[in-house]
PDB file of N, CA and C in Angstrom:
ATOM      1  N   MET A   1      50.585  73.242 103.338  1.00  0.00           N
ATOM      2  CA  MET A   1      50.107  73.113 104.701  1.00  0.00           C
ATOM      3  C   MET A   1      49.146  71.925 104.822  1.00  0.00           C
ATOM      4  N   LEU A   2      48.236  71.805 103.863  1.00  0.00           N
ATOM      5  CA  LEU A   2      47.284  70.697 103.900  1.00  0.00           C
ATOM      6  C   LEU A   2      47.993  69.358 103.704  1.00  0.00           C
ATOM      7  N   GLY A   3      49.020  69.349 102.831  1.00  0.00           N
ATOM      8  CA  GLY A   3      49.778  68.117 102.598  1.00  0.00           C
ATOM      9  C   GLY A   3      50.478  67.637 103.856  1.00  0.00           C
ATOM     10  N   GLN A   4      51.099  68.557 104.582  1.00  0.00           N
ATOM     11  CA  GLN A   4      51.784  68.202 105.828  1.00  0.00           C
ATOM     12  C   GLN A   4      50.783  67.688 106.862  1.00  0.00           C
ATOM     13  N   PHE A   5      49.626  68.322 106.933  1.00  0.00           N
ATOM     14  CA  PHE A   5      48.587  67.892 107.872  1.00  0.00           C
ATOM     15  C   PHE A   5      48.112  66.473 107.543  1.00  0.00           C
ATOM     16  N   LEU A   6      47.862  66.207 106.256  1.00  0.00           N
ATOM     17  CA  LEU A   6      47.403  64.870 105.861  1.00  0.00           C
ATOM     18  C   LEU A   6      48.467  63.808 106.122  1.00  0.00           C
ATOM     19  N   LEU A   7      49.732  64.154 105.893  1.00  0.00           N
ATOM     20  CA  LEU A   7      50.803  63.198 106.188  1.00  0.00           C
ATOM     21  C   LEU A   7      50.889  62.899 107.677  1.00  0.00           C
ATOM     22  N   THR A   8      50.719  63.911 108.495  1.00  0.00           N
ATOM     23  CA  THR A   8      50.750  63.705 109.937  1.00  0.00           C
ATOM     24  C   THR A   8      49.598  62.814 110.392  1.00  0.00           C
ATOM     25  N   ILE A   9      48.408  63.088 109.874  1.00  0.00           N
ATOM     26  CA  ILE A   9      47.243  62.259 110.219  1.00  0.00           C
ATOM     27  C   ILE A   9      47.447  60.824 109.739  1.00  0.00           C
ATOM     28  N   ALA A  10      48.037  60.650 108.550  1.00  0.00           N
ATOM     29  CA  ALA A  10      48.279  59.308 108.012  1.00  0.00           C
ATOM     30  C   ALA A  10      49.259  58.535 108.886  1.00  0.00           C
ATOM     31  N   ILE A  11      50.308  59.206 109.359  1.00  0.00           N
ATOM     32  CA  ILE A  11      51.291  58.526 110.213  1.00  0.00           C
ATOM     33  C   ILE A  11      50.661  58.122 111.542  1.00  0.00           C
ATOM     34  N   ILE A  12      49.881  59.023 112.131  1.00  0.00           N
ATOM     35  CA  ILE A  12      49.215  58.700 113.397  1.00  0.00           C
ATOM     36  C   ILE A  12      48.231  57.552 113.208  1.00  0.00           C
ATOM     37  N   THR A  13      47.475  57.589 112.117  1.00  0.00           N
ATOM     38  CA  THR A  13      46.509  56.524 111.844  1.00  0.00           C
ATOM     39  C   THR A  13      47.203  55.190 111.614  1.00  0.00           C
ATOM     40  N   LEU A  14      48.319  55.214 110.917  1.00  0.00           N
ATOM     41  CA  LEU A  14      49.055  53.972 110.656  1.00  0.00           C
ATOM     42  C   LEU A  14      49.638  53.395 111.945  1.00  0.00           C
ATOM     43  N   PHE A  15      50.172  54.264 112.807  1.00  0.00           N
ATOM     44  CA  PHE A  15      50.658  53.776 114.099  1.00  0.00           C
ATOM     45  C   PHE A  15      49.520  53.213 114.951  1.00  0.00           C
ATOM     46  N   HIS A  16      48.360  53.840 114.885  1.00  0.00           N
ATOM     47  CA  HIS A  16      47.216  53.321 115.646  1.00  0.00           C
ATOM     48  C   HIS A  16      46.786  51.964 115.115  1.00  0.00           C
ATOM     49  N   ALA A  17      46.807  51.809 113.796  1.00  0.00           N
ATOM     50  CA  ALA A  17      46.447  50.515 113.208  1.00  0.00           C
ATOM     51  C   ALA A  17      47.457  49.444 113.601  1.00  0.00           C
ATOM     52  N   ALA A  18      48.735  49.808 113.651  1.00  0.00           N
ATOM     53  CA  ALA A  18      49.753  48.846 114.070  1.00  0.00           C
ATOM     54  C   ALA A  18      49.574  48.453 115.535  1.00  0.00           C
ATOM     55  N   PHE A  19      49.278  49.440 116.371  1.00  0.00           N
ATOM     56  CA  PHE A  19      49.057  49.136 117.787  1.00  0.00           C
ATOM     57  C   PHE A  19      47.809  48.280 117.979  1.00  0.00           C
ATOM     58  N   SER A  20      46.760  48.575 117.222  1.00  0.00           N
ATOM     59  CA  SER A  20      45.532  47.767 117.306  1.00  0.00           C
ATOM     60  C   SER A  20      45.787  46.339 116.862  1.00  0.00           C
ATOM     61  N   THR A  21      46.622  46.184 115.838  1.00  0.00           N
ATOM     62  CA  THR A  21      46.972  44.838 115.375  1.00  0.00           C
ATOM     63  C   THR A  21      47.740  44.092 116.453  1.00  0.00           C
ATOM     64  N   TYR A  22      48.674  44.767 117.100  1.00  0.00           N
ATOM     65  CA  TYR A  22      49.440  44.146 118.185  1.00  0.00           C
ATOM     66  C   TYR A  22      48.512  43.707 119.319  1.00  0.00           C
ATOM     67  N   GLU A  23      47.591  44.579 119.708  1.00  0.00           N
ATOM     68  CA  GLU A  23      46.654  44.221 120.776  1.00  0.00           C
ATOM     69  C   GLU A  23      45.767  43.042 120.388  1.00  0.00           C
ATOM     70  N   HIS A  24      45.303  43.052 119.141  1.00  0.00           N
ATOM     71  CA  HIS A  24      44.426  41.966 118.684  1.00  0.00           C
ATOM     72  C   HIS A  24      45.180  40.640 118.681  1.00  0.00           C
ATOM     73  N   LEU A  25      46.427  40.651 118.177  1.00  0.00           N
ATOM     74  CA  LEU A  25      47.195  39.406 118.155  1.00  0.00           C
ATOM     75  C   LEU A  25      47.570  38.956 119.562  1.00  0.00           C
ATOM     76  N   SER A  26      47.783  39.896 120.484  1.00  0.00           N
ATOM     77  CA  SER A  26      48.050  39.540 121.886  1.00  0.00           C
ATOM     78  C   SER A  26      46.824  38.896 122.524  1.00  0.00           C
ATOM     79  N   LEU A  27      45.645  39.419 122.189  1.00  0.00           N
ATOM     80  CA  LEU A  27      44.405  38.835 122.710  1.00  0.00           C
ATOM     81  C   LEU A  27      44.196  37.422 122.171  1.00  0.00           C
ATOM     82  N   LEU A  28      44.472  37.236 120.872  1.00  0.00           N
ATOM     83  CA  LEU A  28      44.324  35.892 120.310  1.00  0.00           C
ATOM     84  C   LEU A  28      45.307  34.919 120.938  1.00  0.00           C
ATOM     85  N   LYS A  29      46.514  35.387 121.191  1.00  0.00           N
ATOM     86  CA  LYS A  29      47.518  34.519 121.817  1.00  0.00           C
ATOM     87  C   LYS A  29      47.110  34.169 123.250  1.00  0.00           C
ATOM     88  N   ALA A  30      46.548  35.136 123.969  1.00  0.00           N
ATOM     89  CA  ALA A  30      46.110  34.876 125.347  1.00  0.00           C
ATOM     90  C   ALA A  30      44.949  33.887 125.387  1.00  0.00           C
ATOM     91  N   LEU A  31      44.111  33.913 124.361  1.00  0.00           N
ATOM     92  CA  LEU A  31      42.979  32.989 124.298  1.00  0.00           C
ATOM     93  C   LEU A  31      43.381  31.626 123.750  1.00  0.00           C
ATOM     94  N   GLY A  32      44.627  31.510 123.300  1.00  0.00           N
ATOM     95  CA  GLY A  32      45.090  30.229 122.762  1.00  0.00           C
ATOM     96  C   GLY A  32      44.694  30.012 121.320  1.00  0.00           C
ATOM     97  N   LYS A  33      44.373  31.064 120.606  1.00  0.00           N
ATOM     98  CA  LYS A  33      44.010  30.965 119.191  1.00  0.00           C
ATOM     99  C   LYS A  33      44.989  31.820 118.364  1.00  0.00           C
ATOM    100  N   PRO A  34      46.175  31.297 118.105  1.00  0.00           N
ATOM    101  CA  PRO A  34      47.141  32.121 117.372  1.00  0.00           C
ATOM    102  C   PRO A  34      46.753  32.358 115.909  1.00  0.00           C
ATOM    103  N   GLU A  35      45.856  31.557 115.397  1.00  0.00           N
ATOM    104  CA  GLU A  35      45.409  31.733 114.012  1.00  0.00           C
ATOM    105  C   GLU A  35      44.147  32.586 114.007  1.00  0.00           C
ATOM    106  N   GLY A  36      44.072  33.515 113.119  1.00  0.00           N
ATOM    107  CA  GLY A  36      42.868  34.319 113.017  1.00  0.00           C
ATOM    108  C   GLY A  36      43.094  35.508 112.112  1.00  0.00           C
ATOM    109  N   LEU A  37      42.007  35.977 111.547  1.00  0.00           N
ATOM    110  CA  LEU A  37      42.081  37.135 110.661  1.00  0.00           C
ATOM    111  C   LEU A  37      42.023  38.420 111.479  1.00  0.00           C
ATOM    112  N   LEU A  38      42.575  39.460 110.890  1.00  0.00           N
ATOM    113  CA  LEU A  38      42.466  40.776 111.522  1.00  0.00           C
ATOM    114  C   LEU A  38      41.051  41.297 111.348  1.00  0.00           C
ATOM    115  N   PRO A  39      40.565  42.055 112.298  1.00  0.00           N
ATOM    116  CA  PRO A  39      39.240  42.656 112.126  1.00  0.00           C
ATOM    117  C   PRO A  39      39.235  43.617 110.935  1.00  0.00           C
ATOM    118  N   SER A  40      38.082  43.720 110.324  1.00  0.00           N
ATOM    119  CA  SER A  40      37.977  44.573 109.132  1.00  0.00           C
ATOM    120  C   SER A  40      38.206  46.045 109.466  1.00  0.00           C
ATOM    121  N   SER A  41      37.957  46.445 110.707  1.00  0.00           N
ATOM    122  CA  SER A  41      38.189  47.842 111.083  1.00  0.00           C
ATOM    123  C   SER A  41      39.684  48.194 111.039  1.00  0.00           C
ATOM    124  N   ILE A  42      40.537  47.260 111.423  1.00  0.00           N
ATOM    125  CA  ILE A  42      41.983  47.514 111.384  1.00  0.00           C
ATOM    126  C   ILE A  42      42.470  47.565 109.937  1.00  0.00           C
ATOM    127  N   VAL A  43      41.964  46.675 109.111  1.00  0.00           N
ATOM    128  CA  VAL A  43      42.344  46.670 107.697  1.00  0.00           C
ATOM    129  C   VAL A  43      41.874  47.953 107.022  1.00  0.00           C
ATOM    130  N   LEU A  44      40.644  48.366 107.321  1.00  0.00           N
ATOM    131  CA  LEU A  44      40.118  49.610 106.748  1.00  0.00           C
ATOM    132  C   LEU A  44      40.920  50.816 107.226  1.00  0.00           C
ATOM    133  N   GLU A  45      41.289  50.813 108.498  1.00  0.00           N
ATOM    134  CA  GLU A  45      42.092  51.912 109.042  1.00  0.00           C
ATOM    135  C   GLU A  45      43.458  51.990 108.353  1.00  0.00           C
ATOM    136  N   SER A  46      44.047  50.852 108.064  1.00  0.00           N
ATOM    137  CA  SER A  46      45.337  50.827 107.369  1.00  0.00           C
ATOM    138  C   SER A  46      45.208  51.380 105.957  1.00  0.00           C
ATOM    139  N   PHE A  47      44.158  51.005 105.249  1.00  0.00           N
ATOM    140  CA  PHE A  47      43.965  51.514 103.888  1.00  0.00           C
ATOM    141  C   PHE A  47      43.649  53.013 103.875  1.00  0.00           C
ATOM    142  N   VAL A  48      42.916  53.479 104.868  1.00  0.00           N
ATOM    143  CA  VAL A  48      42.646  54.919 104.970  1.00  0.00           C
ATOM    144  C   VAL A  48      43.955  55.673 105.222  1.00  0.00           C
ATOM    145  N   ALA A  49      44.802  55.128 106.082  1.00  0.00           N
ATOM    146  CA  ALA A  49      46.103  55.753 106.336  1.00  0.00           C
ATOM    147  C   ALA A  49      46.954  55.781 105.071  1.00  0.00           C
ATOM    148  N   LEU A  50      46.902  54.711 104.302  1.00  0.00           N
ATOM    149  CA  LEU A  50      47.641  54.668 103.041  1.00  0.00           C
ATOM    150  C   LEU A  50      47.129  55.724 102.072  1.00  0.00           C
ATOM    151  N   LEU A  51      45.829  55.817 101.955  1.00  0.00           N
ATOM    152  CA  LEU A  51      45.224  56.799 101.052  1.00  0.00           C
ATOM    153  C   LEU A  51      45.553  58.231 101.490  1.00  0.00           C
ATOM    154  N   LEU A  52      45.450  58.506 102.784  1.00  0.00           N
ATOM    155  CA  LEU A  52      45.786  59.839 103.293  1.00  0.00           C
ATOM    156  C   LEU A  52      47.270  60.156 103.071  1.00  0.00           C
ATOM    157  N   GLY A  53      48.126  59.158 103.234  1.00  0.00           N
ATOM    158  CA  GLY A  53      49.553  59.356 103.010  1.00  0.00           C
ATOM    159  C   GLY A  53      49.875  59.660 101.561  1.00  0.00           C
ATOM    160  N   ILE A  54      49.221  58.976 100.639  1.00  0.00           N
ATOM    161  CA  ILE A  54      49.452  59.226  99.211  1.00  0.00           C
ATOM    162  C   ILE A  54      48.980  60.628  98.832  1.00  0.00           C
ATOM    163  N   ILE A  55      47.782  60.990  99.282  1.00  0.00           N
ATOM    164  CA  ILE A  55      47.255  62.323  98.959  1.00  0.00           C
ATOM    165  C   ILE A  55      48.128  63.409  99.588  1.00  0.00           C
ATOM    166  N   GLY A  56      48.540  63.207 100.848  1.00  0.00           N
ATOM    167  CA  GLY A  56      49.392  64.182 101.518  1.00  0.00           C
ATOM    168  C   GLY A  56      50.742  64.339 100.837  1.00  0.00           C
ATOM    169  N   ALA A  57      51.329  63.232 100.392  1.00  0.00           N
ATOM    170  CA  ALA A  57      52.619  63.306  99.704  1.00  0.00           C
ATOM    171  C   ALA A  57      52.486  64.010  98.361  1.00  0.00           C
ATOM    172  N   CYS A  58      51.388  63.772  97.675  1.00  0.00           N
ATOM    173  CA  CYS A  58      51.175  64.450  96.389  1.00  0.00           C
ATOM    174  C   CYS A  58      50.974  65.953  96.575  1.00  0.00           C
ATOM    175  N   LEU A  59      50.273  66.332  97.628  1.00  0.00           N
ATOM    176  CA  LEU A  59      50.047  67.756  97.873  1.00  0.00           C
ATOM    177  C   LEU A  59      51.300  68.468  98.385  1.00  0.00           C
ATOM    178  N   LYS A  60      52.148  67.744  99.093  1.00  0.00           N
ATOM    179  CA  LYS A  60      53.355  68.347  99.668  1.00  0.00           C
ATOM    180  C   LYS A  60      54.505  68.408  98.663  1.00  0.00           C
ATOM    181  N   ALA A  61      54.473  67.591  97.646  1.00  0.00           N
ATOM    182  CA  ALA A  61      55.580  67.534  96.683  1.00  0.00           C
ATOM    183  C   ALA A  61      55.695  68.858  95.920  1.00  0.00           C
ATOM    184  N   PRO A  62      56.934  69.286  95.616  1.00  0.00           N
ATOM    185  CA  PRO A  62      57.103  70.520  94.845  1.00  0.00           C
ATOM    186  C   PRO A  62      56.684  70.312  93.395  1.00  0.00           C
ATOM    187  N   ALA A  63      56.482  71.412  92.712  1.00  0.00           N
ATOM    188  CA  ALA A  63      56.084  71.332  91.305  1.00  0.00           C
ATOM    189  C   ALA A  63      57.210  70.684  90.494  1.00  0.00           C
ATOM    190  N   PRO A  64      56.874  69.843  89.522  1.00  0.00           N
ATOM    191  CA  PRO A  64      57.922  69.197  88.734  1.00  0.00           C
ATOM    192  C   PRO A  64      58.655  70.205  87.854  1.00  0.00           C
ATOM    193  N   LYS A  65      59.931  69.941  87.645  1.00  0.00           N
ATOM    194  CA  LYS A  65      60.748  70.812  86.810  1.00  0.00           C
ATOM    195  C   LYS A  65      60.820  70.244  85.404  1.00  0.00           C
ATOM    196  N   GLU A  66      61.012  71.137  84.448  1.00  0.00           N
ATOM    197  CA  GLU A  66      61.184  70.676  83.078  1.00  0.00           C
ATOM    198  C   GLU A  66      62.576  70.085  82.932  1.00  0.00           C
ATOM    199  N   ILE A  67      62.672  69.007  82.171  1.00  0.00           N
ATOM    200  CA  ILE A  67      63.968  68.376  81.962  1.00  0.00           C
ATOM    201  C   ILE A  67      64.314  68.317  80.482  1.00  0.00           C
ATOM    202  N   THR A  68      63.763  69.210  79.708  1.00  0.00           N
ATOM    203  CA  THR A  68      64.050  69.214  78.277  1.00  0.00           C
ATOM    204  C   THR A  68      65.284  70.058  77.998  1.00  0.00           C
ATOM    205  N   TRP A  69      65.843  69.868  76.815  1.00  0.00           N
ATOM    206  CA  TRP A  69      67.012  70.634  76.415  1.00  0.00           C
ATOM    207  C   TRP A  69      66.663  72.115  76.280  1.00  0.00           C
ATOM    208  N   ALA A  70      65.475  72.414  75.805  1.00  0.00           N
ATOM    209  CA  ALA A  70      65.058  73.807  75.637  1.00  0.00           C
ATOM    210  C   ALA A  70      64.991  74.521  76.983  1.00  0.00           C
ATOM    211  N   SER A  71      64.475  73.859  78.011  1.00  0.00           N
ATOM    212  CA  SER A  71      64.405  74.498  79.328  1.00  0.00           C
ATOM    213  C   SER A  71      65.796  74.661  79.932  1.00  0.00           C
ATOM    214  N   GLU A  72      66.710  73.769  79.631  1.00  0.00           N
ATOM    215  CA  GLU A  72      68.086  73.915  80.120  1.00  0.00           C
ATOM    216  C   GLU A  72      68.782  75.086  79.445  1.00  0.00           C
ATOM    217  N   MET A  73      68.504  75.287  78.180  1.00  0.00           N
ATOM    218  CA  MET A  73      69.148  76.379  77.448  1.00  0.00           C
ATOM    219  C   MET A  73      68.581  77.746  77.831  1.00  0.00           C
ATOM    220  N   LYS A  74      67.437  77.782  78.513  1.00  0.00           N
ATOM    221  CA  LYS A  74      66.905  79.056  79.008  1.00  0.00           C
ATOM    222  C   LYS A  74      67.798  79.632  80.101  1.00  0.00           C
ATOM    223  N   THR A  75      68.460  78.761  80.846  1.00  0.00           N
ATOM    224  CA  THR A  75      69.289  79.218  81.963  1.00  0.00           C
ATOM    225  C   THR A  75      70.766  79.323  81.602  1.00  0.00           C
ATOM    226  N   ARG A  76      71.179  78.815  80.453  1.00  0.00           N
ATOM    227  CA  ARG A  76      72.591  78.827  80.067  1.00  0.00           C
ATOM    228  C   ARG A  76      72.776  79.521  78.725  1.00  0.00           C
ATOM    229  N   THR A  77      73.996  79.884  78.453  1.00  0.00           N
ATOM    230  CA  THR A  77      74.307  80.463  77.143  1.00  0.00           C
ATOM    231  C   THR A  77      74.986  79.399  76.294  1.00  0.00           C
ATOM    232  N   ILE A  78      75.120  79.675  75.020  1.00  0.00           N
ATOM    233  CA  ILE A  78      75.770  78.719  74.138  1.00  0.00           C
ATOM    234  C   ILE A  78      77.250  78.596  74.475  1.00  0.00           C
ATOM    235  N   ASP A  79      77.837  79.659  75.031  1.00  0.00           N
ATOM    236  CA  ASP A  79      79.246  79.599  75.418  1.00  0.00           C
ATOM    237  C   ASP A  79      79.464  78.641  76.595  1.00  0.00           C
ATOM    238  N   ASP A  80      78.484  78.541  77.477  1.00  0.00           N
ATOM    239  CA  ASP A  80      78.592  77.587  78.578  1.00  0.00           C
ATOM    240  C   ASP A  80      78.511  76.153  78.081  1.00  0.00           C
ATOM    241  N   MET A  81      77.666  75.915  77.117  1.00  0.00           N
ATOM    242  CA  MET A  81      77.438  74.554  76.641  1.00  0.00           C
ATOM    243  C   MET A  81      78.497  74.112  75.634  1.00  0.00           C
ATOM    244  N   ASP A  82      79.030  75.037  74.848  1.00  0.00           N
ATOM    245  CA  ASP A  82      79.989  74.674  73.806  1.00  0.00           C
ATOM    246  C   ASP A  82      81.336  75.298  74.145  1.00  0.00           C
ATOM    247  N   SER A  83      81.864  74.969  75.317  1.00  0.00           N
ATOM    248  CA  SER A  83      83.115  75.580  75.750  1.00  0.00           C
ATOM    249  C   SER A  83      84.312  74.664  75.507  1.00  0.00           C
ATOM    250  N   ARG A  84      84.171  73.694  74.659  1.00  0.00           N
ATOM    251  CA  ARG A  84      85.296  72.786  74.401  1.00  0.00           C
ATOM    252  C   ARG A  84      86.240  73.406  73.381  1.00  0.00           C
ATOM    253  N   MET A  85      87.439  72.911  73.357  1.00  0.00           N
ATOM    254  CA  MET A  85      88.425  73.384  72.400  1.00  0.00           C
ATOM    255  C   MET A  85      88.048  72.900  71.005  1.00  0.00           C
ATOM    256  N   GLY A  86      88.462  73.631  70.013  1.00  0.00           N
ATOM    257  CA  GLY A  86      88.219  73.199  68.643  1.00  0.00           C
ATOM    258  C   GLY A  86      89.101  72.011  68.307  1.00  0.00           C
ATOM    259  N   PHE A  87      88.944  71.479  67.118  1.00  0.00           N
ATOM    260  CA  PHE A  87      89.759  70.343  66.702  1.00  0.00           C
ATOM    261  C   PHE A  87      91.206  70.782  66.543  1.00  0.00           C
ATOM    262  N   ALA A  88      92.118  69.918  66.944  1.00  0.00           N
ATOM    263  CA  ALA A  88      93.543  70.227  66.805  1.00  0.00           C
ATOM    264  C   ALA A  88      93.928  70.116  65.332  1.00  0.00           C
ATOM    265  N   ASN A  89      94.768  70.982  64.914  1.00  0.00           N
ATOM    266  CA  ASN A  89      95.196  71.016  63.525  1.00  0.00           C
ATOM    267  C   ASN A  89      96.628  70.489  63.460  1.00  0.00           C
ATOM    268  N   PHE A  90      96.795  69.304  62.853  1.00  0.00           N
ATOM    269  CA  PHE A  90      98.119  68.695  62.751  1.00  0.00           C
ATOM    270  C   PHE A  90      98.746  68.907  61.371  1.00  0.00           C
ATOM    271  N   VAL A  91      98.130  69.707  60.542  1.00  0.00           N
ATOM    272  CA  VAL A  91      98.632  69.889  59.184  1.00  0.00           C
ATOM    273  C   VAL A  91     100.012  70.544  59.202  1.00  0.00           C
ATOM    274  N   THR A  92     100.244  71.522  60.043  1.00  0.00           N
ATOM    275  CA  THR A  92     101.532  72.206  60.056  1.00  0.00           C
ATOM    276  C   THR A  92     102.635  71.303  60.585  1.00  0.00           C
ATOM    277  N   ARG A  93     102.331  70.425  61.503  1.00  0.00           N
ATOM    278  CA  ARG A  93     103.333  69.519  62.036  1.00  0.00           C
ATOM    279  C   ARG A  93     103.551  68.324  61.126  1.00  0.00           C
ATOM    280  N   GLY A  94     102.554  67.987  60.355  1.00  0.00           N
ATOM    281  CA  GLY A  94     102.652  66.806  59.508  1.00  0.00           C
ATOM    282  C   GLY A  94     103.747  66.922  58.463  1.00  0.00           C
ATOM    283  N   LYS A  95     104.048  68.084  58.046  1.00  0.00           N
ATOM    284  CA  LYS A  95     105.097  68.270  57.040  1.00  0.00           C
ATOM    285  C   LYS A  95     106.453  67.936  57.624  1.00  0.00           C
ATOM    286  N   VAL A  96     106.638  68.189  58.902  1.00  0.00           N
ATOM    287  CA  VAL A  96     107.941  68.006  59.518  1.00  0.00           C
ATOM    288  C   VAL A  96     108.113  66.587  60.050  1.00  0.00           C
ATOM    289  N   LEU A  97     107.040  65.891  60.354  1.00  0.00           N
ATOM    290  CA  LEU A  97     107.131  64.577  60.988  1.00  0.00           C
ATOM    291  C   LEU A  97     107.803  63.534  60.101  1.00  0.00           C
ATOM    292  N   GLY A  98     107.580  63.587  58.814  1.00  0.00           N
ATOM    293  CA  GLY A  98     108.136  62.567  57.929  1.00  0.00           C
ATOM    294  C   GLY A  98     109.543  62.857  57.474  1.00  0.00           C
ATOM    295  N   GLN A  99     110.059  64.003  57.748  1.00  0.00           N
ATOM    296  CA  GLN A  99     111.393  64.360  57.265  1.00  0.00           C
ATOM    297  C   GLN A  99     112.463  63.963  58.276  1.00  0.00           C
ATOM    298  N   GLU A 100     113.640  63.683  57.738  1.00  0.00           N
ATOM    299  CA  GLU A 100     114.769  63.376  58.593  1.00  0.00           C
ATOM    300  C   GLU A 100     115.395  64.673  59.060  1.00  0.00           C
ATOM    301  N   GLU A 101     115.964  64.614  60.225  1.00  0.00           N
ATOM    302  CA  GLU A 101     116.573  65.810  60.801  1.00  0.00           C
ATOM    303  C   GLU A 101     117.863  66.122  60.061  1.00  0.00           C
ATOM    304  N   GLU A 102     117.998  67.373  59.668  1.00  0.00           N
ATOM    305  CA  GLU A 102     119.209  67.792  58.976  1.00  0.00           C
ATOM    306  C   GLU A 102     120.214  68.228  60.002  1.00  0.00           C
ATOM    307  N   GLY A 103     121.402  67.715  59.878  1.00  0.00           N
ATOM    308  CA  GLY A 103     122.458  68.075  60.805  1.00  0.00           C
ATOM    309  C   GLY A 103     123.769  68.228  60.047  1.00  0.00           C
ATOM    310  N   PRO A 104     124.760  68.693  60.719  1.00  0.00           N
ATOM    311  CA  PRO A 104     126.062  68.842  60.034  1.00  0.00           C
ATOM    312  C   PRO A 104     126.605  67.463  59.641  1.00  0.00           C
ATOM    313  N   SER A 105     126.996  67.344  58.424  1.00  0.00           N
ATOM    314  CA  SER A 105     127.545  66.069  57.946  1.00  0.00           C
ATOM    315  C   SER A 105     129.055  66.092  58.095  1.00  0.00           C
ATOM    316  N   SER A 106     129.608  64.992  58.459  1.00  0.00           N
ATOM    317  CA  SER A 106     131.042  64.954  58.648  1.00  0.00           C
ATOM    318  C   SER A 106     131.727  64.176  57.571  1.00  0.00           C
TER     319      SER A 106
END
């Protein structure tokens, strides 16, 4: 709940800083001074919004999950993980492969 609140405040603050920047640049353009620095209050407001957004995102994020093999095996059985076929055995066929086919001789 606190994370969502901080994210909302950060978004509103960031939009306000953007609007203040637009107004300030419009005022400079109207005065004929297109060059100029932003006021420190707008820069500070932007950094506060960034900080609130980072804290809010960290508080809202779900708990991290384990990604180790041991944690994966807690939810699965060995039959699920080792469900492949065994090695094929060609020994019984190998005896017949090299022999010629016997047929009636004429």
